Each structure stands twice: as C-alpha cells, then as structure tokens.
Amino acid sequence: MIGNDVIDLLQSRRESNWQRKGFIEKLFTLNEQLLISHAKDPELMVWILWSMKEAAYKVYNRKTKIREYIPKKLVCSLESKNLDYINRNVIKGNVICSEDLYYTKTILSNNSIHTIAVSILDDLDKVIEIEKQSIIKDQNGIPFLISSQNKKQDVSISNHGRFEKVVTIS
C-alpha cells in the first residue's frame, strides 16, 4: 500500500501561520514538538512532519476505509538523529498509527517537500512517479490505476500549490 503528500513551501508560507497559538500543540505529539523546537529550521521540520503524517494517513485510510481527523494519532519518528537537513535532500522515517507501522521517505527541494509512505519497507525502493491517467476512485474515494489487463493497482495522488505527484509501486 502506498500514500504520498506534496507541500508547496511557497504556498504554505503564504497560507499557513504555523507559529500561531495552539497550531503545533494541536497537530504534533510532544516528541514531534521537541523535534520542531530543536530543529535548525523549525518551519521546515513542521512541514516535513506534516507531510509524513499526510502520506501515512493515506495508507491508513486505504487499509481501513476510515476517514477521520487524527493528526496526533499519526506518530512520526526520523531515522536520523541529525536534525540539520539543510545539506541533505532525503529523510527516512516511520509513522505509527493504530499499531501499524508505515515507512516514509521525504524528498526535499528548494520549493517543495514530497513524502512517500508504504506499509512494506522494501516497497520504498519500488515507488515510481507516473502520469495521471487511467485512474479511478472506489466508493471510498481511494484512487486506483487500471492496468491494460483490467487489474487495479494502488496509486496515490497529492496536489498542493504548483505541484502534483502521482505515485505507485512498480
């Protein structure tokens, strides 16, 4: 199973005041709040963690068919203890939700954050970006790719600002 999230950093800066009272406490666990407060770039850390939560939520929703607002039940951890991400462009981590573990890979660029979440670790190396074509949604709004053999394949779609990412597992 796969989920993904893309964040347009320019759009986030224009539309979201992550420093407003209660924002961090409402969305992030205490450990995540510590990651944010100790980061060299707290704003970037906010959006990295949020992107991880969103991508993992899409896997959780695909598995359970439950739609709910549960940001603090999606608990993020980073593989690396090094919080200086300025010179790195890939961050691996995990998200736990309802005892399920999701593996994440976050790709940073100057303009965006893109996180992929999978339920099987080896699938992180099999994720490919595809064109948005032949995609349908089931009765729960969950997207699938229809192959030439009429088989359904998991696909995840994310849009934000100037960016759209459509990914699947090859």
Protein backbone atom coordinates (compact mmCIF):
# COMPACT_ATOMS: atom_id res chain seq x y z
CA MET A 1 0.00 0.00 0.00
CA ILE A 2 1.15 3.49 -0.78
CA GLY A 3 0.43 7.11 0.17
CA ASN A 4 2.12 10.38 -0.67
CA ASP A 5 1.97 14.06 0.14
CA VAL A 6 3.49 17.08 -1.54
CA ILE A 7 3.84 20.52 0.03
CA ASP A 8 4.49 23.69 -1.95
CA LEU A 9 6.66 25.62 0.52
CA LEU A 10 5.85 28.99 -1.04
CA GLN A 11 2.11 28.34 -0.76
CA SER A 12 2.48 27.11 2.82
CA ARG A 13 4.28 30.30 3.78
CA ARG A 14 1.51 32.38 2.25
CA GLU A 15 -1.45 30.44 3.66
CA SER A 16 -0.39 28.87 6.96
CA ASN A 17 0.76 30.57 10.11
CA TRP A 18 2.39 27.59 11.79
CA GLN A 19 3.56 29.87 14.62
CA ARG A 20 0.05 30.85 15.70
CA LYS A 21 -1.01 29.91 19.20
CA GLY A 22 -2.05 26.26 19.52
CA PHE A 23 -1.13 25.18 15.98
CA ILE A 24 1.84 22.98 16.93
CA GLU A 25 0.15 21.56 20.04
CA LYS A 26 -2.98 20.62 18.06
CA LEU A 27 -1.16 18.66 15.35
CA PHE A 28 2.00 17.22 16.86
CA THR A 29 2.88 14.88 19.74
CA LEU A 30 5.23 16.06 22.47
CA ASN A 31 8.21 14.28 20.87
CA GLU A 32 7.37 15.84 17.49
CA GLN A 33 7.11 19.25 19.15
CA LEU A 34 10.62 18.70 20.55
CA LEU A 35 11.92 17.83 17.06
CA ILE A 36 10.42 21.10 15.80
CA SER A 37 11.76 23.24 18.65
CA HIS A 38 15.28 21.76 18.36
CA ALA A 39 15.49 21.92 14.57
CA LYS A 40 17.81 24.43 12.90
CA ASP A 41 14.87 25.25 10.61
CA PRO A 42 11.68 24.77 12.68
CA GLU A 43 9.40 25.76 9.80
CA LEU A 44 10.89 23.08 7.55
CA MET A 45 10.55 20.49 10.32
CA VAL A 46 6.85 21.37 10.76
CA TRP A 47 6.18 20.64 7.09
CA ILE A 48 8.37 17.52 7.00
CA LEU A 49 6.43 16.01 9.90
CA TRP A 50 3.08 17.15 8.49
CA SER A 51 3.92 15.61 5.11
CA MET A 52 4.87 12.33 6.80
CA LYS A 53 1.53 12.30 8.66
CA GLU A 54 -0.45 13.03 5.48
CA ALA A 55 1.31 10.35 3.41
CA ALA A 56 0.92 7.72 6.15
CA TYR A 57 -2.73 8.69 6.66
CA LYS A 58 -3.42 7.85 3.01
CA VAL A 59 -2.05 4.33 3.57
CA TYR A 60 -4.08 4.02 6.81
CA ASN A 61 -7.23 5.22 5.01
CA ARG A 62 -6.66 2.80 2.11
CA LYS A 63 -6.30 -0.09 4.59
CA THR A 64 -9.14 0.74 6.99
CA LYS A 65 -11.53 2.78 4.77
CA ILE A 66 -11.91 5.04 7.84
CA ARG A 67 -11.85 8.81 7.20
CA GLU A 68 -11.07 10.77 10.33
CA TYR A 69 -9.02 13.71 11.52
CA ILE A 70 -6.28 12.12 13.66
CA PRO A 71 -3.01 14.08 13.36
CA LYS A 72 -1.79 13.23 16.87
CA LYS A 73 -2.55 9.52 16.38
CA LEU A 74 -0.05 9.53 13.49
CA VAL A 75 3.22 9.44 15.43
CA CYS A 76 6.35 10.34 13.46
CA SER A 77 9.96 9.45 14.10
CA LEU A 78 13.03 10.16 12.00
CA GLU A 79 15.66 7.55 11.23
CA SER A 80 18.47 10.05 11.51
CA LYS A 81 19.25 11.78 14.77
CA ASN A 82 20.95 14.58 12.80
CA LEU A 83 18.46 17.45 12.66
CA ASP A 84 20.48 19.53 10.17
CA TYR A 85 18.66 18.78 6.92
CA ILE A 86 19.88 21.82 5.02
CA ASN A 87 22.55 19.84 3.11
CA ARG A 88 20.53 16.65 2.72
CA ASN A 89 17.66 16.02 0.36
CA VAL A 90 16.26 12.69 1.56
CA ILE A 91 14.96 11.89 5.03
CA LYS A 92 13.76 8.43 6.04
CA GLY A 93 11.38 7.92 8.92
CA ASN A 94 8.45 6.00 10.33
CA VAL A 95 4.89 6.77 11.26
CA ILE A 96 2.90 4.63 13.68
CA CYS A 97 -0.90 4.73 13.60
CA SER A 98 -3.16 2.31 15.47
CA GLU A 99 -0.24 -0.10 15.97
CA ASP A 100 0.53 -0.14 12.23
CA LEU A 101 3.99 0.95 11.09
CA TYR A 102 4.45 2.93 7.90
CA TYR A 103 7.85 3.62 6.35
CA THR A 104 8.46 7.06 4.87
CA LYS A 105 10.91 8.74 2.53
CA THR A 106 10.82 12.52 2.27
CA ILE A 107 12.47 14.30 -0.63
CA LEU A 108 13.36 17.96 -0.06
CA SER A 109 13.85 20.58 -2.73
CA ASN A 110 14.09 24.37 -2.55
CA ASN A 111 10.39 24.66 -3.43
CA SER A 112 8.71 21.52 -2.12
CA ILE A 113 8.58 18.60 0.26
CA HIS A 114 7.42 15.25 -1.10
CA THR A 115 6.84 12.31 1.23
CA ILE A 116 6.06 8.74 0.23
CA ALA A 117 4.69 6.25 2.77
CA VAL A 118 4.44 2.49 2.35
CA SER A 119 3.37 -0.40 4.55
CA ILE A 120 6.25 -2.69 3.45
CA LEU A 121 9.79 -1.32 3.80
CA ASP A 122 11.11 -2.87 0.55
CA ASP A 123 8.39 -1.02 -1.38
CA LEU A 124 10.13 2.32 -0.71
CA ASP A 125 12.70 1.34 -3.36
CA LYS A 126 9.96 0.37 -5.85
CA VAL A 127 7.99 3.63 -5.87
CA ILE A 128 7.69 5.35 -9.24
CA GLU A 129 6.08 8.61 -10.30
CA ILE A 130 3.54 8.23 -13.10
CA GLU A 131 1.28 10.35 -15.29
CA LYS A 132 -2.25 10.90 -14.01
CA GLN A 133 -4.13 8.65 -16.44
CA SER A 134 -6.48 5.66 -16.24
CA ILE A 135 -7.07 6.37 -12.57
CA ILE A 136 -10.41 5.68 -10.95
CA LYS A 137 -11.63 6.09 -7.39
CA ASP A 138 -13.61 3.50 -5.47
CA GLN A 139 -16.73 4.23 -3.40
CA ASN A 140 -14.46 5.46 -0.57
CA GLY A 141 -12.64 7.93 -2.82
CA ILE A 142 -9.46 5.82 -2.84
CA PRO A 143 -7.60 6.04 -6.18
CA PHE A 144 -6.50 3.05 -8.26
CA LEU A 145 -4.70 2.66 -11.53
CA ILE A 146 -6.42 0.37 -14.04
CA SER A 147 -3.90 -1.72 -15.98
CA SER A 148 -4.32 -2.92 -19.55
CA GLN A 149 -5.36 -6.30 -18.08
CA ASN A 150 -8.14 -4.51 -16.13
CA LYS A 151 -6.38 -5.07 -12.78
CA LYS A 152 -6.48 -2.47 -10.00
CA GLN A 153 -3.15 -1.17 -8.71
CA ASP A 154 -2.69 1.12 -5.70
CA VAL A 155 -1.89 4.71 -6.63
CA SER A 156 -1.60 7.85 -4.52
CA ILE A 157 -2.30 11.38 -5.70
CA SER A 158 -1.26 14.58 -3.95
CA ASN A 159 -1.61 18.23 -5.02
CA HIS A 160 -0.58 21.43 -3.35
CA GLY A 161 0.03 24.78 -4.96
CA ARG A 162 2.24 24.38 -8.01
CA PHE A 163 2.87 20.66 -7.52
CA GLU A 164 1.10 17.38 -8.21
CA LYS A 165 2.58 13.96 -7.53
CA VAL A 166 1.08 10.65 -8.64
CA VAL A 167 2.94 7.57 -7.40
CA THR A 168 2.57 3.81 -7.45
CA ILE A 169 4.65 0.76 -6.59
CA SER A 170 6.24 -0.89 -9.63
